[in-house]
Amino acid sequence: MAFPKDFLWGGAVAANQCEGAYNADGKGIDIQDIMPYGIMGAPTEEPTADNLKLTAIDAARAAALGRDTDAEG
C-alpha cells in the first residue's frame, strides 16, 4: 500500500498502554493491576493495551508501511 508523499501521519498512546507492568519494569501498582477486569467483570482495555509486549510487532507493522518509529514522539 502506498500513501501520498504529503500524507500526514499521527499517533497517540494512553498511559495505560505504555507505562508497563509493576512486576516487569518497576512501575507502581495502579487500579488496573488490582482490578484488571474492571468492576463486576466488565470488559477492559487489557487485550489491546499491552505495549510492553507488543512494541516490536507495532514497529514492524509501521516499517512495513514505510514509516520510522520514534518512542519519544
PDB file of N, CA and C in Angstrom:
ATOM      1  N   MET A   1       0.839  -1.163   0.000  1.00  0.00           N
ATOM      2  CA  MET A   1       0.000   0.000   0.000  1.00  0.00           C
ATOM      3  C   MET A   1       0.895   1.241   0.000  1.00  0.00           C
ATOM      4  N   ALA A   2       0.594   2.164  -0.858  1.00  0.00           N
ATOM      5  CA  ALA A   2       1.383   3.394  -0.932  1.00  0.00           C
ATOM      6  C   ALA A   2       0.531   4.580  -0.487  1.00  0.00           C
ATOM      7  N   PHE A   3       1.150   5.476   0.238  1.00  0.00           N
ATOM      8  CA  PHE A   3       0.482   6.689   0.684  1.00  0.00           C
ATOM      9  C   PHE A   3       1.103   7.878  -0.034  1.00  0.00           C
ATOM     10  N   PRO A   4       0.320   8.918  -0.295  1.00  0.00           N
ATOM     11  CA  PRO A   4       0.876  10.102  -0.934  1.00  0.00           C
ATOM     12  C   PRO A   4       2.003  10.695  -0.092  1.00  0.00           C
ATOM     13  N   LYS A   5       2.964  11.355  -0.751  1.00  0.00           N
ATOM     14  CA  LYS A   5       4.098  11.937  -0.029  1.00  0.00           C
ATOM     15  C   LYS A   5       3.659  12.984   0.984  1.00  0.00           C
ATOM     16  N   ASP A   6       2.536  13.651   0.729  1.00  0.00           N
ATOM     17  CA  ASP A   6       2.077  14.678   1.663  1.00  0.00           C
ATOM     18  C   ASP A   6       1.079  14.147   2.695  1.00  0.00           C
ATOM     19  N   PHE A   7       0.945  12.822   2.789  1.00  0.00           N
ATOM     20  CA  PHE A   7       0.059  12.215   3.779  1.00  0.00           C
ATOM     21  C   PHE A   7       0.588  12.515   5.178  1.00  0.00           C
ATOM     22  N   LEU A   8      -0.260  12.993   6.050  1.00  0.00           N
ATOM     23  CA  LEU A   8       0.146  13.326   7.412  1.00  0.00           C
ATOM     24  C   LEU A   8      -0.197  12.176   8.351  1.00  0.00           C
ATOM     25  N   TRP A   9       0.836  11.628   8.979  1.00  0.00           N
ATOM     26  CA  TRP A   9       0.659  10.542   9.936  1.00  0.00           C
ATOM     27  C   TRP A   9       0.475  11.121  11.330  1.00  0.00           C
ATOM     28  N   GLY A  10      -0.274  10.428  12.144  1.00  0.00           N
ATOM     29  CA  GLY A  10      -0.449  10.829  13.532  1.00  0.00           C
ATOM     30  C   GLY A  10      -0.547   9.592  14.403  1.00  0.00           C
ATOM     31  N   GLY A  11      -0.311   9.771  15.652  1.00  0.00           N
ATOM     32  CA  GLY A  11      -0.418   8.650  16.577  1.00  0.00           C
ATOM     33  C   GLY A  11      -0.538   9.155  17.996  1.00  0.00           C
ATOM     34  N   ALA A  12      -1.018   8.300  18.849  1.00  0.00           N
ATOM     35  CA  ALA A  12      -1.161   8.663  20.258  1.00  0.00           C
ATOM     36  C   ALA A  12      -1.179   7.395  21.097  1.00  0.00           C
ATOM     37  N   VAL A  13      -0.827   7.539  22.341  1.00  0.00           N
ATOM     38  CA  VAL A  13      -0.934   6.434  23.291  1.00  0.00           C
ATOM     39  C   VAL A  13      -1.518   6.972  24.590  1.00  0.00           C
ATOM     40  N   ALA A  14      -2.102   6.088  25.347  1.00  0.00           N
ATOM     41  CA  ALA A  14      -2.588   6.428  26.683  1.00  0.00           C
ATOM     42  C   ALA A  14      -1.613   5.850  27.704  1.00  0.00           C
ATOM     43  N   ALA A  15      -1.607   6.418  28.885  1.00  0.00           N
ATOM     44  CA  ALA A  15      -0.676   5.959  29.920  1.00  0.00           C
ATOM     45  C   ALA A  15      -0.791   4.461  30.166  1.00  0.00           C
ATOM     46  N   ASN A  16      -2.021   3.940  30.192  1.00  0.00           N
ATOM     47  CA  ASN A  16      -2.173   2.516  30.488  1.00  0.00           C
ATOM     48  C   ASN A  16      -1.691   1.620  29.352  1.00  0.00           C
ATOM     49  N   GLN A  17      -1.380   2.188  28.206  1.00  0.00           N
ATOM     50  CA  GLN A  17      -0.816   1.405  27.114  1.00  0.00           C
ATOM     51  C   GLN A  17       0.698   1.304  27.187  1.00  0.00           C
ATOM     52  N   CYS A  18       1.352   2.294  27.752  1.00  0.00           N
ATOM     53  CA  CYS A  18       2.805   2.346  27.621  1.00  0.00           C
ATOM     54  C   CYS A  18       3.591   2.387  28.924  1.00  0.00           C
ATOM     55  N   GLU A  19       2.934   2.457  30.061  1.00  0.00           N
ATOM     56  CA  GLU A  19       3.682   2.542  31.314  1.00  0.00           C
ATOM     57  C   GLU A  19       4.291   1.216  31.741  1.00  0.00           C
ATOM     58  N   GLY A  20       3.796   0.125  31.219  1.00  0.00           N
ATOM     59  CA  GLY A  20       4.347  -1.171  31.582  1.00  0.00           C
ATOM     60  C   GLY A  20       3.679  -1.757  32.812  1.00  0.00           C
ATOM     61  N   ALA A  21       4.243  -2.837  33.283  1.00  0.00           N
ATOM     62  CA  ALA A  21       3.663  -3.564  34.408  1.00  0.00           C
ATOM     63  C   ALA A  21       4.500  -3.368  35.662  1.00  0.00           C
ATOM     64  N   TYR A  22       3.839  -3.313  36.799  1.00  0.00           N
ATOM     65  CA  TYR A  22       4.565  -3.113  38.060  1.00  0.00           C
ATOM     66  C   TYR A  22       5.551  -4.244  38.325  1.00  0.00           C
ATOM     67  N   ASN A  23       5.240  -5.436  37.835  1.00  0.00           N
ATOM     68  CA  ASN A  23       6.101  -6.591  38.108  1.00  0.00           C
ATOM     69  C   ASN A  23       7.096  -6.864  36.981  1.00  0.00           C
ATOM     70  N   ALA A  24       7.191  -5.955  36.007  1.00  0.00           N
ATOM     71  CA  ALA A  24       8.112  -6.176  34.896  1.00  0.00           C
ATOM     72  C   ALA A  24       9.155  -5.074  34.766  1.00  0.00           C
ATOM     73  N   ASP A  25       8.793  -3.846  35.109  1.00  0.00           N
ATOM     74  CA  ASP A  25       9.743  -2.762  34.869  1.00  0.00           C
ATOM     75  C   ASP A  25       9.717  -1.657  35.917  1.00  0.00           C
ATOM     76  N   GLY A  26       9.202  -1.948  37.099  1.00  0.00           N
ATOM     77  CA  GLY A  26       9.295  -1.006  38.196  1.00  0.00           C
ATOM     78  C   GLY A  26       8.171  -0.007  38.362  1.00  0.00           C
ATOM     79  N   LYS A  27       7.151  -0.046  37.532  1.00  0.00           N
ATOM     80  CA  LYS A  27       6.019   0.864  37.693  1.00  0.00           C
ATOM     81  C   LYS A  27       5.269   0.504  38.977  1.00  0.00           C
ATOM     82  N   GLY A  28       4.715   1.475  39.640  1.00  0.00           N
ATOM     83  CA  GLY A  28       3.917   1.209  40.832  1.00  0.00           C
ATOM     84  C   GLY A  28       2.580   0.570  40.484  1.00  0.00           C
ATOM     85  N   ILE A  29       1.944  -0.010  41.468  1.00  0.00           N
ATOM     86  CA  ILE A  29       0.638  -0.648  41.274  1.00  0.00           C
ATOM     87  C   ILE A  29      -0.418   0.431  41.058  1.00  0.00           C
ATOM     88  N   ASP A  30      -1.308   0.192  40.105  1.00  0.00           N
ATOM     89  CA  ASP A  30      -2.436   1.088  39.881  1.00  0.00           C
ATOM     90  C   ASP A  30      -3.730   0.283  39.885  1.00  0.00           C
ATOM     91  N   ILE A  31      -4.847   0.944  39.656  1.00  0.00           N
ATOM     92  CA  ILE A  31      -6.152   0.283  39.746  1.00  0.00           C
ATOM     93  C   ILE A  31      -6.282  -0.865  38.747  1.00  0.00           C
ATOM     94  N   GLN A  32      -5.680  -0.748  37.570  1.00  0.00           N
ATOM     95  CA  GLN A  32      -5.769  -1.832  36.591  1.00  0.00           C
ATOM     96  C   GLN A  32      -5.014  -3.072  37.049  1.00  0.00           C
ATOM     97  N   ASP A  33      -4.001  -2.905  37.895  1.00  0.00           N
ATOM     98  CA  ASP A  33      -3.291  -4.064  38.429  1.00  0.00           C
ATOM     99  C   ASP A  33      -4.117  -4.764  39.500  1.00  0.00           C
ATOM    100  N   ILE A  34      -4.916  -4.007  40.225  1.00  0.00           N
ATOM    101  CA  ILE A  34      -5.733  -4.563  41.296  1.00  0.00           C
ATOM    102  C   ILE A  34      -7.033  -5.142  40.753  1.00  0.00           C
ATOM    103  N   MET A  35      -7.644  -4.455  39.800  1.00  0.00           N
ATOM    104  CA  MET A  35      -8.920  -4.877  39.222  1.00  0.00           C
ATOM    105  C   MET A  35      -8.793  -4.952  37.703  1.00  0.00           C
ATOM    106  N   PRO A  36      -8.036  -5.908  37.155  1.00  0.00           N
ATOM    107  CA  PRO A  36      -7.792  -5.933  35.716  1.00  0.00           C
ATOM    108  C   PRO A  36      -9.034  -6.181  34.866  1.00  0.00           C
ATOM    109  N   TYR A  37     -10.081  -6.709  35.455  1.00  0.00           N
ATOM    110  CA  TYR A  37     -11.298  -6.960  34.679  1.00  0.00           C
ATOM    111  C   TYR A  37     -12.393  -5.972  35.013  1.00  0.00           C
ATOM    112  N   GLY A  38     -12.022  -4.857  35.620  1.00  0.00           N
ATOM    113  CA  GLY A  38     -12.983  -3.809  35.904  1.00  0.00           C
ATOM    114  C   GLY A  38     -13.934  -4.175  37.029  1.00  0.00           C
ATOM    115  N   ILE A  39     -14.954  -3.392  37.161  1.00  0.00           N
ATOM    116  CA  ILE A  39     -15.962  -3.610  38.189  1.00  0.00           C
ATOM    117  C   ILE A  39     -16.945  -4.665  37.699  1.00  0.00           C
ATOM    118  N   MET A  40     -17.165  -5.672  38.499  1.00  0.00           N
ATOM    119  CA  MET A  40     -18.116  -6.747  38.197  1.00  0.00           C
ATOM    120  C   MET A  40     -17.760  -7.486  36.913  1.00  0.00           C
ATOM    121  N   GLY A  41     -16.494  -7.595  36.590  1.00  0.00           N
ATOM    122  CA  GLY A  41     -16.075  -8.360  35.423  1.00  0.00           C
ATOM    123  C   GLY A  41     -16.324  -7.686  34.091  1.00  0.00           C
ATOM    124  N   ALA A  42     -16.559  -6.381  34.103  1.00  0.00           N
ATOM    125  CA  ALA A  42     -16.811  -5.661  32.856  1.00  0.00           C
ATOM    126  C   ALA A  42     -15.576  -5.707  31.962  1.00  0.00           C
ATOM    127  N   PRO A  43     -15.754  -5.667  30.639  1.00  0.00           N
ATOM    128  CA  PRO A  43     -14.600  -5.675  29.729  1.00  0.00           C
ATOM    129  C   PRO A  43     -13.691  -4.474  29.973  1.00  0.00           C
ATOM    130  N   THR A  44     -12.403  -4.662  29.773  1.00  0.00           N
ATOM    131  CA  THR A  44     -11.431  -3.581  29.914  1.00  0.00           C
ATOM    132  C   THR A  44     -10.576  -3.507  28.660  1.00  0.00           C
ATOM    133  N   GLU A  45      -9.596  -2.607  28.681  1.00  0.00           N
ATOM    134  CA  GLU A  45      -8.687  -2.454  27.544  1.00  0.00           C
ATOM    135  C   GLU A  45      -7.562  -3.477  27.559  1.00  0.00           C
ATOM    136  N   GLU A  46      -7.523  -4.369  28.532  1.00  0.00           N
ATOM    137  CA  GLU A  46      -6.390  -5.278  28.706  1.00  0.00           C
ATOM    138  C   GLU A  46      -5.944  -5.997  27.427  1.00  0.00           C
ATOM    139  N   PRO A  47      -6.851  -6.559  26.623  1.00  0.00           N
ATOM    140  CA  PRO A  47      -6.358  -7.279  25.435  1.00  0.00           C
ATOM    141  C   PRO A  47      -5.649  -6.393  24.417  1.00  0.00           C
ATOM    142  N   THR A  48      -5.914  -5.104  24.425  1.00  0.00           N
ATOM    143  CA  THR A  48      -5.325  -4.220  23.420  1.00  0.00           C
ATOM    144  C   THR A  48      -4.243  -3.298  23.959  1.00  0.00           C
ATOM    145  N   ALA A  49      -4.144  -3.152  25.251  1.00  0.00           N
ATOM    146  CA  ALA A  49      -3.177  -2.218  25.834  1.00  0.00           C
ATOM    147  C   ALA A  49      -2.005  -2.975  26.431  1.00  0.00           C
ATOM    148  N   ASP A  50      -1.194  -3.550  25.586  1.00  0.00           N
ATOM    149  CA  ASP A  50      -0.068  -4.350  26.067  1.00  0.00           C
ATOM    150  C   ASP A  50       1.206  -3.928  25.357  1.00  0.00           C
ATOM    151  N   ASN A  51       1.447  -2.626  25.328  1.00  0.00           N
ATOM    152  CA  ASN A  51       2.585  -2.087  24.600  1.00  0.00           C
ATOM    153  C   ASN A  51       3.908  -2.671  25.040  1.00  0.00           C
ATOM    154  N   LEU A  52       4.025  -3.037  26.305  1.00  0.00           N
ATOM    155  CA  LEU A  52       5.270  -3.605  26.816  1.00  0.00           C
ATOM    156  C   LEU A  52       5.668  -4.845  26.022  1.00  0.00           C
ATOM    157  N   LYS A  53       4.683  -5.651  25.633  1.00  0.00           N
ATOM    158  CA  LYS A  53       4.958  -6.883  24.891  1.00  0.00           C
ATOM    159  C   LYS A  53       4.835  -6.709  23.378  1.00  0.00           C
ATOM    160  N   LEU A  54       4.101  -5.696  22.934  1.00  0.00           N
ATOM    161  CA  LEU A  54       3.788  -5.561  21.509  1.00  0.00           C
ATOM    162  C   LEU A  54       4.622  -4.523  20.763  1.00  0.00           C
ATOM    163  N   THR A  55       5.569  -3.879  21.431  1.00  0.00           N
ATOM    164  CA  THR A  55       6.349  -2.818  20.796  1.00  0.00           C
ATOM    165  C   THR A  55       7.037  -3.281  19.520  1.00  0.00           C
ATOM    166  N   ALA A  56       7.683  -4.438  19.548  1.00  0.00           N
ATOM    167  CA  ALA A  56       8.398  -4.929  18.360  1.00  0.00           C
ATOM    168  C   ALA A  56       7.432  -5.199  17.212  1.00  0.00           C
ATOM    169  N   ILE A  57       6.267  -5.750  17.511  1.00  0.00           N
ATOM    170  CA  ILE A  57       5.269  -6.020  16.472  1.00  0.00           C
ATOM    171  C   ILE A  57       4.759  -4.706  15.889  1.00  0.00           C
ATOM    172  N   ASP A  58       4.457  -3.739  16.756  1.00  0.00           N
ATOM    173  CA  ASP A  58       3.978  -2.440  16.280  1.00  0.00           C
ATOM    174  C   ASP A  58       5.017  -1.756  15.396  1.00  0.00           C
ATOM    175  N   ALA A  59       6.288  -1.809  15.786  1.00  0.00           N
ATOM    176  CA  ALA A  59       7.356  -1.198  14.994  1.00  0.00           C
ATOM    177  C   ALA A  59       7.496  -1.886  13.640  1.00  0.00           C
ATOM    178  N   ALA A  60       7.374  -3.203  13.618  1.00  0.00           N
ATOM    179  CA  ALA A  60       7.464  -3.945  12.354  1.00  0.00           C
ATOM    180  C   ALA A  60       6.312  -3.575  11.428  1.00  0.00           C
ATOM    181  N   ARG A  61       5.129  -3.409  11.975  1.00  0.00           N
ATOM    182  CA  ARG A  61       3.973  -3.019  11.152  1.00  0.00           C
ATOM    183  C   ARG A  61       4.164  -1.616  10.582  1.00  0.00           C
ATOM    184  N   ALA A  62       4.691  -0.710  11.397  1.00  0.00           N
ATOM    185  CA  ALA A  62       4.955   0.646  10.908  1.00  0.00           C
ATOM    186  C   ALA A  62       6.014   0.617   9.812  1.00  0.00           C
ATOM    187  N   ALA A  63       7.052  -0.178  10.003  1.00  0.00           N
ATOM    188  CA  ALA A  63       8.114  -0.291   8.997  1.00  0.00           C
ATOM    189  C   ALA A  63       7.569  -0.865   7.693  1.00  0.00           C
ATOM    190  N   ALA A  64       6.643  -1.819   7.791  1.00  0.00           N
ATOM    191  CA  ALA A  64       6.045  -2.406   6.589  1.00  0.00           C
ATOM    192  C   ALA A  64       5.276  -1.360   5.786  1.00  0.00           C
ATOM    193  N   LEU A  65       4.808  -0.317   6.463  1.00  0.00           N
ATOM    194  CA  LEU A  65       4.125   0.783   5.788  1.00  0.00           C
ATOM    195  C   LEU A  65       5.096   1.876   5.351  1.00  0.00           C
ATOM    196  N   GLY A  66       6.397   1.634   5.588  1.00  0.00           N
ATOM    197  CA  GLY A  66       7.401   2.606   5.197  1.00  0.00           C
ATOM    198  C   GLY A  66       7.587   3.728   6.199  1.00  0.00           C
ATOM    199  N   ARG A  67       7.164   3.507   7.439  1.00  0.00           N
ATOM    200  CA  ARG A  67       7.261   4.540   8.463  1.00  0.00           C
ATOM    201  C   ARG A  67       8.367   4.218   9.441  1.00  0.00           C
ATOM    202  N   ASP A  68       9.066   5.250   9.906  1.00  0.00           N
ATOM    203  CA  ASP A  68      10.008   5.105  11.009  1.00  0.00           C
ATOM    204  C   ASP A  68       9.220   5.238  12.307  1.00  0.00           C
ATOM    205  N   THR A  69       9.741   4.671  13.368  1.00  0.00           N
ATOM    206  CA  THR A  69       9.083   4.819  14.661  1.00  0.00           C
ATOM    207  C   THR A  69       9.987   5.599  15.593  1.00  0.00           C
ATOM    208  N   ASP A  70       9.373   6.332  16.488  1.00  0.00           N
ATOM    209  CA  ASP A  70      10.104   7.150  17.450  1.00  0.00           C
ATOM    210  C   ASP A  70       9.383   7.062  18.784  1.00  0.00           C
ATOM    211  N   ALA A  71       9.992   6.404  19.756  1.00  0.00           N
ATOM    212  CA  ALA A  71       9.355   6.187  21.049  1.00  0.00           C
ATOM    213  C   ALA A  71       9.057   7.489  21.787  1.00  0.00           C
ATOM    214  N   GLU A  72       9.754   8.557  21.447  1.00  0.00           N
ATOM    215  CA  GLU A  72       9.544   9.830  22.130  1.00  0.00           C
ATOM    216  C   GLU A  72       8.576  10.744  21.394  1.00  0.00           C
ATOM    217  N   GLY A  73       7.995  10.278  20.309  1.00  0.00           N
ATOM    218  CA  GLY A  73       7.028  11.106  19.596  1.00  0.00           C
ATOM    219  C   GLY A  73       7.631  11.755  18.425  1.00  0.00           C
TER     220      GLY A  73
END
